[in-house]
PDB file of N, CA and C in Angstrom:
ATOM      1  N   MET A   1       1.561  81.599 -22.778  1.00  0.00           N
ATOM      2  CA  MET A   1       1.188  81.763 -24.161  1.00  0.00           C
ATOM      3  C   MET A   1      -0.290  82.134 -24.247  1.00  0.00           C
ATOM      4  N   LYS A   2      -0.584  83.169 -25.078  1.00  0.00           N
ATOM      5  CA  LYS A   2      -1.970  83.619 -25.206  1.00  0.00           C
ATOM      6  C   LYS A   2      -2.729  82.717 -26.162  1.00  0.00           C
ATOM      7  N   GLU A   3      -3.973  82.531 -25.828  1.00  0.00           N
ATOM      8  CA  GLU A   3      -4.840  81.709 -26.649  1.00  0.00           C
ATOM      9  C   GLU A   3      -5.544  82.593 -27.676  1.00  0.00           C
ATOM     10  N   LYS A   4      -5.540  82.201 -28.927  1.00  0.00           N
ATOM     11  CA  LYS A   4      -6.250  82.953 -29.959  1.00  0.00           C
ATOM     12  C   LYS A   4      -7.704  82.550 -29.975  1.00  0.00           C
ATOM     13  N   LYS A   5      -8.540  83.559 -30.025  1.00  0.00           N
ATOM     14  CA  LYS A   5      -9.973  83.279 -30.130  1.00  0.00           C
ATOM     15  C   LYS A   5     -10.351  83.298 -31.601  1.00  0.00           C
ATOM     16  N   THR A   6     -10.973  82.274 -32.047  1.00  0.00           N
ATOM     17  CA  THR A   6     -11.439  82.217 -33.427  1.00  0.00           C
ATOM     18  C   THR A   6     -12.957  82.206 -33.430  1.00  0.00           C
ATOM     19  N   LYS A   7     -13.486  82.993 -34.342  1.00  0.00           N
ATOM     20  CA  LYS A   7     -14.937  83.066 -34.454  1.00  0.00           C
ATOM     21  C   LYS A   7     -15.395  82.104 -35.546  1.00  0.00           C
ATOM     22  N   VAL A   8     -16.318  81.271 -35.194  1.00  0.00           N
ATOM     23  CA  VAL A   8     -16.857  80.314 -36.152  1.00  0.00           C
ATOM     24  C   VAL A   8     -17.997  81.000 -36.902  1.00  0.00           C
ATOM     25  N   LYS A   9     -17.910  80.978 -38.220  1.00  0.00           N
ATOM     26  CA  LYS A   9     -18.922  81.607 -39.052  1.00  0.00           C
ATOM     27  C   LYS A   9     -20.068  80.634 -39.290  1.00  0.00           C
ATOM     28  N   SER A  10     -21.260  81.082 -39.021  1.00  0.00           N
ATOM     29  CA  SER A  10     -22.417  80.211 -39.213  1.00  0.00           C
ATOM     30  C   SER A  10     -23.179  80.630 -40.469  1.00  0.00           C
ATOM     31  N   PRO A  11     -24.042  79.778 -40.968  1.00  0.00           N
ATOM     32  CA  PRO A  11     -24.867  80.143 -42.125  1.00  0.00           C
ATOM     33  C   PRO A  11     -25.740  81.375 -41.852  1.00  0.00           C
ATOM     34  N   ILE A  12     -26.118  81.564 -40.609  1.00  0.00           N
ATOM     35  CA  ILE A  12     -26.935  82.730 -40.254  1.00  0.00           C
ATOM     36  C   ILE A  12     -26.122  84.003 -40.447  1.00  0.00           C
ATOM     37  N   ASP A  13     -24.834  83.973 -40.085  1.00  0.00           N
ATOM     38  CA  ASP A  13     -23.965  85.125 -40.306  1.00  0.00           C
ATOM     39  C   ASP A  13     -23.859  85.453 -41.789  1.00  0.00           C
ATOM     40  N   ASP A  14     -23.717  84.427 -42.625  1.00  0.00           N
ATOM     41  CA  ASP A  14     -23.649  84.628 -44.074  1.00  0.00           C
ATOM     42  C   ASP A  14     -24.940  85.245 -44.599  1.00  0.00           C
ATOM     43  N   PHE A  15     -26.068  84.766 -44.097  1.00  0.00           N
ATOM     44  CA  PHE A  15     -27.363  85.283 -44.512  1.00  0.00           C
ATOM     45  C   PHE A  15     -27.498  86.755 -44.126  1.00  0.00           C
ATOM     46  N   ASP A  16     -27.120  87.099 -42.892  1.00  0.00           N
ATOM     47  CA  ASP A  16     -27.198  88.492 -42.435  1.00  0.00           C
ATOM     48  C   ASP A  16     -26.316  89.401 -43.285  1.00  0.00           C
ATOM     49  N   LEU A  17     -25.132  88.931 -43.653  1.00  0.00           N
ATOM     50  CA  LEU A  17     -24.225  89.713 -44.485  1.00  0.00           C
ATOM     51  C   LEU A  17     -24.818  89.933 -45.873  1.00  0.00           C
ATOM     52  N   THR A  18     -25.426  88.899 -46.433  1.00  0.00           N
ATOM     53  CA  THR A  18     -26.052  89.002 -47.748  1.00  0.00           C
ATOM     54  C   THR A  18     -27.195  90.010 -47.726  1.00  0.00           C
ATOM     55  N   ILE A  19     -28.026  89.942 -46.702  1.00  0.00           N
ATOM     56  CA  ILE A  19     -29.149  90.870 -46.579  1.00  0.00           C
ATOM     57  C   ILE A  19     -28.657  92.305 -46.423  1.00  0.00           C
ATOM     58  N   SER A  20     -27.609  92.511 -45.643  1.00  0.00           N
ATOM     59  CA  SER A  20     -27.111  93.870 -45.424  1.00  0.00           C
ATOM     60  C   SER A  20     -26.483  94.455 -46.682  1.00  0.00           C
ATOM     61  N   LYS A  21     -25.937  93.604 -47.574  1.00  0.00           N
ATOM     62  CA  LYS A  21     -25.329  94.086 -48.810  1.00  0.00           C
ATOM     63  C   LYS A  21     -26.365  94.293 -49.915  1.00  0.00           C
ATOM     64  N   GLN A  22     -27.539  93.706 -49.758  1.00  0.00           N
ATOM     65  CA  GLN A  22     -28.565  93.788 -50.785  1.00  0.00           C
ATOM     66  C   GLN A  22     -28.994  95.242 -50.967  1.00  0.00           C
ATOM     67  N   GLY A  23     -29.099  95.671 -52.214  1.00  0.00           N
ATOM     68  CA  GLY A  23     -29.553  97.019 -52.490  1.00  0.00           C
ATOM     69  C   GLY A  23     -28.466  98.068 -52.367  1.00  0.00           C
ATOM     70  N   THR A  24     -27.197  97.669 -52.318  1.00  0.00           N
ATOM     71  CA  THR A  24     -26.118  98.648 -52.214  1.00  0.00           C
ATOM     72  C   THR A  24     -25.340  98.777 -53.512  1.00  0.00           C
ATOM     73  N   ASP A  25     -25.805  98.129 -54.583  1.00  0.00           N
ATOM     74  CA  ASP A  25     -25.117  98.220 -55.865  1.00  0.00           C
ATOM     75  C   ASP A  25     -25.153  99.648 -56.382  1.00  0.00           C
ATOM     76  N   LYS A  26     -24.062 100.074 -56.984  1.00  0.00           N
ATOM     77  CA  LYS A  26     -23.987 101.397 -57.604  1.00  0.00           C
ATOM     78  C   LYS A  26     -24.486 101.253 -59.040  1.00  0.00           C
ATOM     79  N   TYR A  27     -25.405 102.105 -59.434  1.00  0.00           N
ATOM     80  CA  TYR A  27     -25.964 102.082 -60.778  1.00  0.00           C
ATOM     81  C   TYR A  27     -25.225 103.079 -61.653  1.00  0.00           C
ATOM     82  N   ILE A  28     -24.741 102.609 -62.785  1.00  0.00           N
ATOM     83  CA  ILE A  28     -24.099 103.465 -63.777  1.00  0.00           C
ATOM     84  C   ILE A  28     -25.061 103.564 -64.951  1.00  0.00           C
ATOM     85  N   LEU A  29     -25.593 104.766 -65.179  1.00  0.00           N
ATOM     86  CA  LEU A  29     -26.622 104.980 -66.193  1.00  0.00           C
ATOM     87  C   LEU A  29     -26.161 106.022 -67.197  1.00  0.00           C
ATOM     88  N   ARG A  30     -26.506 105.802 -68.457  1.00  0.00           N
ATOM     89  CA  ARG A  30     -26.249 106.786 -69.512  1.00  0.00           C
ATOM     90  C   ARG A  30     -27.552 107.039 -70.255  1.00  0.00           C
ATOM     91  N   LEU A  31     -27.913 108.305 -70.338  1.00  0.00           N
ATOM     92  CA  LEU A  31     -29.126 108.693 -71.051  1.00  0.00           C
ATOM     93  C   LEU A  31     -28.718 109.442 -72.313  1.00  0.00           C
ATOM     94  N   TYR A  32     -29.073 108.893 -73.458  1.00  0.00           N
ATOM     95  CA  TYR A  32     -28.762 109.506 -74.740  1.00  0.00           C
ATOM     96  C   TYR A  32     -29.985 110.294 -75.203  1.00  0.00           C
ATOM     97  N   ILE A  33     -29.777 111.590 -75.469  1.00  0.00           N
ATOM     98  CA  ILE A  33     -30.861 112.473 -75.882  1.00  0.00           C
ATOM     99  C   ILE A  33     -30.481 113.181 -77.177  1.00  0.00           C
ATOM    100  N   THR A  34     -31.453 113.891 -77.755  1.00  0.00           N
ATOM    101  CA  THR A  34     -31.195 114.673 -78.969  1.00  0.00           C
ATOM    102  C   THR A  34     -31.570 116.124 -78.712  1.00  0.00           C
ATOM    103  N   GLY A  35     -30.619 116.897 -78.255  1.00  0.00           N
ATOM    104  CA  GLY A  35     -30.833 118.319 -78.020  1.00  0.00           C
ATOM    105  C   GLY A  35     -31.767 118.578 -76.852  1.00  0.00           C
ATOM    106  N   SER A  36     -32.428 119.725 -76.906  1.00  0.00           N
ATOM    107  CA  SER A  36     -33.336 120.100 -75.819  1.00  0.00           C
ATOM    108  C   SER A  36     -34.792 119.997 -76.274  1.00  0.00           C
ATOM    109  N   THR A  37     -35.112 118.902 -76.940  1.00  0.00           N
ATOM    110  CA  THR A  37     -36.480 118.659 -77.379  1.00  0.00           C
ATOM    111  C   THR A  37     -37.368 118.353 -76.171  1.00  0.00           C
ATOM    112  N   ILE A  38     -38.654 118.388 -76.373  1.00  0.00           N
ATOM    113  CA  ILE A  38     -39.600 118.107 -75.290  1.00  0.00           C
ATOM    114  C   ILE A  38     -39.389 116.699 -74.749  1.00  0.00           C
ATOM    115  N   ARG A  39     -39.208 115.730 -75.642  1.00  0.00           N
ATOM    116  CA  ARG A  39     -38.994 114.335 -75.195  1.00  0.00           C
ATOM    117  C   ARG A  39     -37.695 114.184 -74.406  1.00  0.00           C
ATOM    118  N   SER A  40     -36.656 114.898 -74.824  1.00  0.00           N
ATOM    119  CA  SER A  40     -35.374 114.826 -74.114  1.00  0.00           C
ATOM    120  C   SER A  40     -35.493 115.404 -72.707  1.00  0.00           C
ATOM    121  N   VAL A  41     -36.110 116.580 -72.611  1.00  0.00           N
ATOM    122  CA  VAL A  41     -36.283 117.226 -71.304  1.00  0.00           C
ATOM    123  C   VAL A  41     -37.166 116.366 -70.406  1.00  0.00           C
ATOM    124  N   LEU A  42     -38.219 115.798 -70.977  1.00  0.00           N
ATOM    125  CA  LEU A  42     -39.120 114.928 -70.216  1.00  0.00           C
ATOM    126  C   LEU A  42     -38.390 113.680 -69.720  1.00  0.00           C
ATOM    127  N   ALA A  43     -37.558 113.096 -70.583  1.00  0.00           N
ATOM    128  CA  ALA A  43     -36.798 111.906 -70.189  1.00  0.00           C
ATOM    129  C   ALA A  43     -35.845 112.216 -69.039  1.00  0.00           C
ATOM    130  N   ILE A  44     -35.146 113.331 -69.104  1.00  0.00           N
ATOM    131  CA  ILE A  44     -34.217 113.726 -68.030  1.00  0.00           C
ATOM    132  C   ILE A  44     -34.972 113.941 -66.728  1.00  0.00           C
ATOM    133  N   THR A  45     -36.073 114.685 -66.798  1.00  0.00           N
ATOM    134  CA  THR A  45     -36.871 114.986 -65.599  1.00  0.00           C
ATOM    135  C   THR A  45     -37.428 113.709 -64.971  1.00  0.00           C
ATOM    136  N   ASN A  46     -38.041 112.864 -65.786  1.00  0.00           N
ATOM    137  CA  ASN A  46     -38.633 111.618 -65.270  1.00  0.00           C
ATOM    138  C   ASN A  46     -37.575 110.700 -64.673  1.00  0.00           C
ATOM    139  N   LEU A  47     -36.453 110.571 -65.364  1.00  0.00           N
ATOM    140  CA  LEU A  47     -35.401 109.678 -64.883  1.00  0.00           C
ATOM    141  C   LEU A  47     -34.787 110.181 -63.574  1.00  0.00           C
ATOM    142  N   LYS A  48     -34.573 111.470 -63.470  1.00  0.00           N
ATOM    143  CA  LYS A  48     -34.016 112.025 -62.225  1.00  0.00           C
ATOM    144  C   LYS A  48     -34.957 111.791 -61.047  1.00  0.00           C
ATOM    145  N   LYS A  49     -36.262 111.936 -61.276  1.00  0.00           N
ATOM    146  CA  LYS A  49     -37.243 111.669 -60.210  1.00  0.00           C
ATOM    147  C   LYS A  49     -37.173 110.217 -59.759  1.00  0.00           C
ATOM    148  N   ILE A  50     -37.123 109.299 -60.715  1.00  0.00           N
ATOM    149  CA  ILE A  50     -37.062 107.869 -60.395  1.00  0.00           C
ATOM    150  C   ILE A  50     -35.772 107.547 -59.641  1.00  0.00           C
ATOM    151  N   CYS A  51     -34.657 108.072 -60.125  1.00  0.00           N
ATOM    152  CA  CYS A  51     -33.371 107.797 -59.476  1.00  0.00           C
ATOM    153  C   CYS A  51     -33.331 108.347 -58.058  1.00  0.00           C
ATOM    154  N   GLU A  52     -33.840 109.539 -57.845  1.00  0.00           N
ATOM    155  CA  GLU A  52     -33.834 110.117 -56.502  1.00  0.00           C
ATOM    156  C   GLU A  52     -34.743 109.346 -55.550  1.00  0.00           C
ATOM    157  N   GLU A  53     -35.832 108.828 -56.083  1.00  0.00           N
ATOM    158  CA  GLU A  53     -36.765 108.084 -55.233  1.00  0.00           C
ATOM    159  C   GLU A  53     -36.265 106.674 -54.909  1.00  0.00           C
ATOM    160  N   TYR A  54     -35.701 105.983 -55.892  1.00  0.00           N
ATOM    161  CA  TYR A  54     -35.356 104.576 -55.717  1.00  0.00           C
ATOM    162  C   TYR A  54     -33.860 104.292 -55.568  1.00  0.00           C
ATOM    163  N   LEU A  55     -33.010 105.212 -55.998  1.00  0.00           N
ATOM    164  CA  LEU A  55     -31.566 104.957 -55.991  1.00  0.00           C
ATOM    165  C   LEU A  55     -30.775 106.064 -55.293  1.00  0.00           C
ATOM    166  N   GLU A  56     -31.385 106.759 -54.395  1.00  0.00           N
ATOM    167  CA  GLU A  56     -30.759 107.913 -53.758  1.00  0.00           C
ATOM    168  C   GLU A  56     -29.329 107.616 -53.284  1.00  0.00           C
ATOM    169  N   GLY A  57     -28.382 108.362 -53.849  1.00  0.00           N
ATOM    170  CA  GLY A  57     -26.982 108.214 -53.475  1.00  0.00           C
ATOM    171  C   GLY A  57     -26.281 106.994 -54.043  1.00  0.00           C
ATOM    172  N   ARG A  58     -26.983 106.200 -54.869  1.00  0.00           N
ATOM    173  CA  ARG A  58     -26.397 104.960 -55.381  1.00  0.00           C
ATOM    174  C   ARG A  58     -26.344 104.934 -56.906  1.00  0.00           C
ATOM    175  N   TYR A  59     -26.310 106.105 -57.531  1.00  0.00           N
ATOM    176  CA  TYR A  59     -26.304 106.100 -58.990  1.00  0.00           C
ATOM    177  C   TYR A  59     -25.436 107.218 -59.548  1.00  0.00           C
ATOM    178  N   GLU A  60     -24.943 106.978 -60.754  1.00  0.00           N
ATOM    179  CA  GLU A  60     -24.262 107.989 -61.550  1.00  0.00           C
ATOM    180  C   GLU A  60     -25.018 108.078 -62.857  1.00  0.00           C
ATOM    181  N   LEU A  61     -25.481 109.275 -63.184  1.00  0.00           N
ATOM    182  CA  LEU A  61     -26.235 109.483 -64.416  1.00  0.00           C
ATOM    183  C   LEU A  61     -25.447 110.418 -65.320  1.00  0.00           C
ATOM    184  N   GLU A  62     -25.160 109.930 -66.518  1.00  0.00           N
ATOM    185  CA  GLU A  62     -24.471 110.739 -67.516  1.00  0.00           C
ATOM    186  C   GLU A  62     -25.459 110.987 -68.651  1.00  0.00           C
ATOM    187  N   VAL A  63     -25.703 112.256 -68.960  1.00  0.00           N
ATOM    188  CA  VAL A  63     -26.609 112.621 -70.054  1.00  0.00           C
ATOM    189  C   VAL A  63     -25.743 113.016 -71.247  1.00  0.00           C
ATOM    190  N   ILE A  64     -25.979 112.345 -72.371  1.00  0.00           N
ATOM    191  CA  ILE A  64     -25.175 112.563 -73.571  1.00  0.00           C
ATOM    192  C   ILE A  64     -26.082 113.049 -74.695  1.00  0.00           C
ATOM    193  N   ASP A  65     -25.762 114.241 -75.197  1.00  0.00           N
ATOM    194  CA  ASP A  65     -26.518 114.828 -76.302  1.00  0.00           C
ATOM    195  C   ASP A  65     -25.911 114.332 -77.616  1.00  0.00           C
ATOM    196  N   LEU A  66     -26.698 113.590 -78.374  1.00  0.00           N
ATOM    197  CA  LEU A  66     -26.206 113.016 -79.623  1.00  0.00           C
ATOM    198  C   LEU A  66     -25.971 114.068 -80.708  1.00  0.00           C
ATOM    199  N   TYR A  67     -26.568 115.254 -80.573  1.00  0.00           N
ATOM    200  CA  TYR A  67     -26.276 116.333 -81.512  1.00  0.00           C
ATOM    201  C   TYR A  67     -24.845 116.830 -81.306  1.00  0.00           C
ATOM    202  N   GLN A  68     -24.378 116.815 -80.072  1.00  0.00           N
ATOM    203  CA  GLN A  68     -23.018 117.278 -79.769  1.00  0.00           C
ATOM    204  C   GLN A  68     -21.979 116.167 -79.943  1.00  0.00           C
ATOM    205  N   HIS A  69     -22.396 114.916 -79.758  1.00  0.00           N
ATOM    206  CA  HIS A  69     -21.486 113.769 -79.858  1.00  0.00           C
ATOM    207  C   HIS A  69     -22.117 112.676 -80.735  1.00  0.00           C
ATOM    208  N   PRO A  70     -22.289 112.928 -82.035  1.00  0.00           N
ATOM    209  CA  PRO A  70     -22.973 111.950 -82.895  1.00  0.00           C
ATOM    210  C   PRO A  70     -22.226 110.624 -83.046  1.00  0.00           C
ATOM    211  N   SER A  71     -20.924 110.624 -82.887  1.00  0.00           N
ATOM    212  CA  SER A  71     -20.161 109.380 -83.041  1.00  0.00           C
ATOM    213  C   SER A  71     -20.492 108.364 -81.949  1.00  0.00           C
ATOM    214  N   LEU A  72     -20.969 108.832 -80.803  1.00  0.00           N
ATOM    215  CA  LEU A  72     -21.316 107.923 -79.710  1.00  0.00           C
ATOM    216  C   LEU A  72     -22.547 107.074 -80.036  1.00  0.00           C
ATOM    217  N   ALA A  73     -23.399 107.567 -80.924  1.00  0.00           N
ATOM    218  CA  ALA A  73     -24.597 106.807 -81.303  1.00  0.00           C
ATOM    219  C   ALA A  73     -24.215 105.489 -81.962  1.00  0.00           C
ATOM    220  N   LYS A  74     -23.219 105.530 -82.813  1.00  0.00           N
ATOM    221  CA  LYS A  74     -22.784 104.309 -83.495  1.00  0.00           C
ATOM    222  C   LYS A  74     -22.086 103.365 -82.525  1.00  0.00           C
ATOM    223  N   GLY A  75     -21.238 103.908 -81.686  1.00  0.00           N
ATOM    224  CA  GLY A  75     -20.492 103.088 -80.738  1.00  0.00           C
ATOM    225  C   GLY A  75     -21.381 102.350 -79.752  1.00  0.00           C
ATOM    226  N   GLU A  76     -22.465 102.977 -79.329  1.00  0.00           N
ATOM    227  CA  GLU A  76     -23.397 102.356 -78.366  1.00  0.00           C
ATOM    228  C   GLU A  76     -24.601 101.729 -79.056  1.00  0.00           C
ATOM    229  N   GLN A  77     -24.623 101.777 -80.391  1.00  0.00           N
ATOM    230  CA  GLN A  77     -25.718 101.227 -81.196  1.00  0.00           C
ATOM    231  C   GLN A  77     -27.069 101.844 -80.825  1.00  0.00           C
ATOM    232  N   ILE A  78     -27.087 103.164 -80.727  1.00  0.00           N
ATOM    233  CA  ILE A  78     -28.314 103.904 -80.413  1.00  0.00           C
ATOM    234  C   ILE A  78     -29.090 104.094 -81.710  1.00  0.00           C
ATOM    235  N   ILE A  79     -30.322 103.603 -81.740  1.00  0.00           N
ATOM    236  CA  ILE A  79     -31.141 103.733 -82.948  1.00  0.00           C
ATOM    237  C   ILE A  79     -32.329 104.665 -82.729  1.00  0.00           C
ATOM    238  N   ALA A  80     -32.585 105.036 -81.486  1.00  0.00           N
ATOM    239  CA  ALA A  80     -33.676 105.952 -81.155  1.00  0.00           C
ATOM    240  C   ALA A  80     -33.265 106.751 -79.929  1.00  0.00           C
ATOM    241  N   ALA A  81     -33.869 107.923 -79.792  1.00  0.00           N
ATOM    242  CA  ALA A  81     -33.564 108.747 -78.616  1.00  0.00           C
ATOM    243  C   ALA A  81     -34.877 109.327 -78.108  1.00  0.00           C
ATOM    244  N   PRO A  82     -35.003 109.471 -76.825  1.00  0.00           N
ATOM    245  CA  PRO A  82     -34.057 109.170 -75.760  1.00  0.00           C
ATOM    246  C   PRO A  82     -33.922 107.667 -75.516  1.00  0.00           C
ATOM    247  N   THR A  83     -32.696 107.267 -75.175  1.00  0.00           N
ATOM    248  CA  THR A  83     -32.385 105.882 -74.824  1.00  0.00           C
ATOM    249  C   THR A  83     -31.574 105.881 -73.536  1.00  0.00           C
ATOM    250  N   LEU A  84     -32.008 105.066 -72.580  1.00  0.00           N
ATOM    251  CA  LEU A  84     -31.285 104.902 -71.327  1.00  0.00           C
ATOM    252  C   LEU A  84     -30.542 103.572 -71.377  1.00  0.00           C
ATOM    253  N   ILE A  85     -29.264 103.601 -71.036  1.00  0.00           N
ATOM    254  CA  ILE A  85     -28.475 102.377 -70.956  1.00  0.00           C
ATOM    255  C   ILE A  85     -28.031 102.187 -69.514  1.00  0.00           C
ATOM    256  N   LYS A  86     -28.350 101.006 -68.984  1.00  0.00           N
ATOM    257  CA  LYS A  86     -27.893 100.636 -67.640  1.00  0.00           C
ATOM    258  C   LYS A  86     -26.641  99.801 -67.811  1.00  0.00           C
ATOM    259  N   LYS A  87     -25.490 100.395 -67.485  1.00  0.00           N
ATOM    260  CA  LYS A  87     -24.204  99.698 -67.603  1.00  0.00           C
ATOM    261  C   LYS A  87     -23.990  98.750 -66.430  1.00  0.00           C
ATOM    262  N   LEU A  88     -24.194  99.253 -65.232  1.00  0.00           N
ATOM    263  CA  LEU A  88     -24.019  98.478 -64.005  1.00  0.00           C
ATOM    264  C   LEU A  88     -25.171  98.750 -63.066  1.00  0.00           C
ATOM    265  N   PRO A  89     -25.557  97.844 -62.221  1.00  0.00           N
ATOM    266  CA  PRO A  89     -25.098  96.468 -62.129  1.00  0.00           C
ATOM    267  C   PRO A  89     -25.632  95.654 -63.307  1.00  0.00           C
ATOM    268  N   LEU A  90     -24.927  94.599 -63.600  1.00  0.00           N
ATOM    269  CA  LEU A  90     -25.342  93.719 -64.687  1.00  0.00           C
ATOM    270  C   LEU A  90     -26.667  93.058 -64.344  1.00  0.00           C
ATOM    271  N   PRO A  91     -27.493  92.684 -65.254  1.00  0.00           N
ATOM    272  CA  PRO A  91     -27.291  92.641 -66.685  1.00  0.00           C
ATOM    273  C   PRO A  91     -27.466  94.017 -67.323  1.00  0.00           C
ATOM    274  N   PHE A  92     -26.779  94.212 -68.434  1.00  0.00           N
ATOM    275  CA  PHE A  92     -26.859  95.411 -69.259  1.00  0.00           C
ATOM    276  C   PHE A  92     -28.290  95.554 -69.759  1.00  0.00           C
ATOM    277  N   ARG A  93     -28.843  96.751 -69.669  1.00  0.00           N
ATOM    278  CA  ARG A  93     -30.223  96.966 -70.148  1.00  0.00           C
ATOM    279  C   ARG A  93     -30.295  98.240 -70.983  1.00  0.00           C
ATOM    280  N   ARG A  94     -31.285  98.290 -71.864  1.00  0.00           N
ATOM    281  CA  ARG A  94     -31.526  99.445 -72.726  1.00  0.00           C
ATOM    282  C   ARG A  94     -33.020  99.759 -72.675  1.00  0.00           C
ATOM    283  N   ILE A  95     -33.354 101.009 -72.354  1.00  0.00           N
ATOM    284  CA  ILE A  95     -34.752 101.434 -72.272  1.00  0.00           C
ATOM    285  C   ILE A  95     -34.922 102.625 -73.210  1.00  0.00           C
ATOM    286  N   ILE A  96     -35.883 102.536 -74.108  1.00  0.00           N
ATOM    287  CA  ILE A  96     -36.114 103.595 -75.089  1.00  0.00           C
ATOM    288  C   ILE A  96     -37.409 104.320 -74.742  1.00  0.00           C
ATOM    289  N   GLY A  97     -37.378 105.646 -74.820  1.00  0.00           N
ATOM    290  CA  GLY A  97     -38.577 106.445 -74.581  1.00  0.00           C
ATOM    291  C   GLY A  97     -38.312 107.590 -73.628  1.00  0.00           C
ATOM    292  N   ASP A  98     -39.383 108.279 -73.249  1.00  0.00           N
ATOM    293  CA  ASP A  98     -39.234 109.472 -72.407  1.00  0.00           C
ATOM    294  C   ASP A  98     -39.274 109.168 -70.905  1.00  0.00           C
ATOM    295  N   MET A  99     -39.215 107.905 -70.541  1.00  0.00           N
ATOM    296  CA  MET A  99     -39.151 107.435 -69.151  1.00  0.00           C
ATOM    297  C   MET A  99     -40.404 107.801 -68.350  1.00  0.00           C
ATOM    298  N   SER A 100     -41.514 108.064 -69.044  1.00  0.00           N
ATOM    299  CA  SER A 100     -42.754 108.421 -68.344  1.00  0.00           C
ATOM    300  C   SER A 100     -43.483 107.189 -67.809  1.00  0.00           C
ATOM    301  N   ASP A 101     -43.205 106.013 -68.365  1.00  0.00           N
ATOM    302  CA  ASP A 101     -43.799 104.773 -67.855  1.00  0.00           C
ATOM    303  C   ASP A 101     -42.909 104.259 -66.718  1.00  0.00           C
ATOM    304  N   LYS A 102     -43.209 104.716 -65.522  1.00  0.00           N
ATOM    305  CA  LYS A 102     -42.380 104.435 -64.347  1.00  0.00           C
ATOM    306  C   LYS A 102     -42.211 102.938 -64.107  1.00  0.00           C
ATOM    307  N   GLU A 103     -43.273 102.165 -64.264  1.00  0.00           N
ATOM    308  CA  GLU A 103     -43.212 100.720 -64.040  1.00  0.00           C
ATOM    309  C   GLU A 103     -42.214 100.055 -64.988  1.00  0.00           C
ATOM    310  N   ARG A 104     -42.246 100.470 -66.254  1.00  0.00           N
ATOM    311  CA  ARG A 104     -41.348  99.902 -67.257  1.00  0.00           C
ATOM    312  C   ARG A 104     -39.889 100.269 -66.953  1.00  0.00           C
ATOM    313  N   VAL A 105     -39.661 101.503 -66.508  1.00  0.00           N
ATOM    314  CA  VAL A 105     -38.304 101.931 -66.167  1.00  0.00           C
ATOM    315  C   VAL A 105     -37.802 101.152 -64.948  1.00  0.00           C
ATOM    316  N   LEU A 106     -38.658 100.983 -63.945  1.00  0.00           N
ATOM    317  CA  LEU A 106     -38.267 100.232 -62.749  1.00  0.00           C
ATOM    318  C   LEU A 106     -37.946  98.776 -63.094  1.00  0.00           C
ATOM    319  N   LEU A 107     -38.727  98.183 -63.983  1.00  0.00           N
ATOM    320  CA  LEU A 107     -38.441  96.818 -64.435  1.00  0.00           C
ATOM    321  C   LEU A 107     -37.109  96.761 -65.182  1.00  0.00           C
ATOM    322  N   GLY A 108     -36.876  97.735 -66.035  1.00  0.00           N
ATOM    323  CA  GLY A 108     -35.639  97.786 -66.806  1.00  0.00           C
ATOM    324  C   GLY A 108     -34.406  97.967 -65.931  1.00  0.00           C
ATOM    325  N   LEU A 109     -34.573  98.660 -64.817  1.00  0.00           N
ATOM    326  CA  LEU A 109     -33.460  98.875 -63.889  1.00  0.00           C
ATOM    327  C   LEU A 109     -33.366  97.763 -62.848  1.00  0.00           C
ATOM    328  N   ASP A 110     -34.220  96.767 -62.959  1.00  0.00           N
ATOM    329  CA  ASP A 110     -34.272  95.647 -62.007  1.00  0.00           C
ATOM    330  C   ASP A 110     -34.584  96.127 -60.594  1.00  0.00           C
ATOM    331  N   LEU A 111     -35.448  97.117 -60.498  1.00  0.00           N
ATOM    332  CA  LEU A 111     -35.861  97.628 -59.193  1.00  0.00           C
ATOM    333  C   LEU A 111     -37.252  97.148 -58.815  1.00  0.00           C
ATOM    334  N   LYS A 112     -37.890  96.423 -59.715  1.00  0.00           N
ATOM    335  CA  LYS A 112     -39.229  95.903 -59.462  1.00  0.00           C
ATOM    336  C   LYS A 112     -39.347  94.543 -60.125  1.00  0.00           C
ATOM    337  N   GLU A 113     -39.968  93.618 -59.428  1.00  0.00           N
ATOM    338  CA  GLU A 113     -40.148  92.275 -59.967  1.00  0.00           C
ATOM    339  C   GLU A 113     -41.338  92.241 -60.925  1.00  0.00           C
ATOM    340  N   VAL A 114     -41.263  91.361 -61.913  1.00  0.00           N
ATOM    341  CA  VAL A 114     -42.362  91.168 -62.846  1.00  0.00           C
ATOM    342  C   VAL A 114     -43.441  90.365 -62.141  1.00  0.00           C
ATOM    343  N   ARG A 115     -44.661  90.844 -62.223  1.00  0.00           N
ATOM    344  CA  ARG A 115     -45.791  90.121 -61.611  1.00  0.00           C
ATOM    345  C   ARG A 115     -46.598  89.477 -62.713  1.00  0.00           C
ATOM    346  N   ASP A 116     -46.944  88.209 -62.514  1.00  0.00           N
ATOM    347  CA  ASP A 116     -47.787  87.518 -63.483  1.00  0.00           C
ATOM    348  C   ASP A 116     -49.204  88.035 -63.391  1.00  0.00           C
ATOM    349  N   LYS A 117     -49.828  88.202 -64.555  1.00  0.00           N
ATOM    350  CA  LYS A 117     -51.200  88.716 -64.574  1.00  0.00           C
ATOM    351  C   LYS A 117     -52.181  87.579 -64.577  1.00  0.00           C
TER     352      LYS A 117
END
């Protein structure tokens, strides 16, 4: 009769697994804009730069023009544009503006920790 080998899982193995999974969350982002205004174009450009730098290959970005789909503004409770909504990973976040304040966008996406001043 063959003997089965069983591997005992240690806390160190759990820690290594947690570390290896860290930073692999897929980001689901929606950017609500109003036509091809300067602020809309700036928001798209700035956000794409941030996503490529910090989330390369780990994000889905959907750009929604509220002029073409005005009913979506009410459904998502959009009161200003451009507005970025982070659907996943949780917690849900909403960032308003042209995404030029990189630090604020990184904080909103939970990619940077808040530092006490």
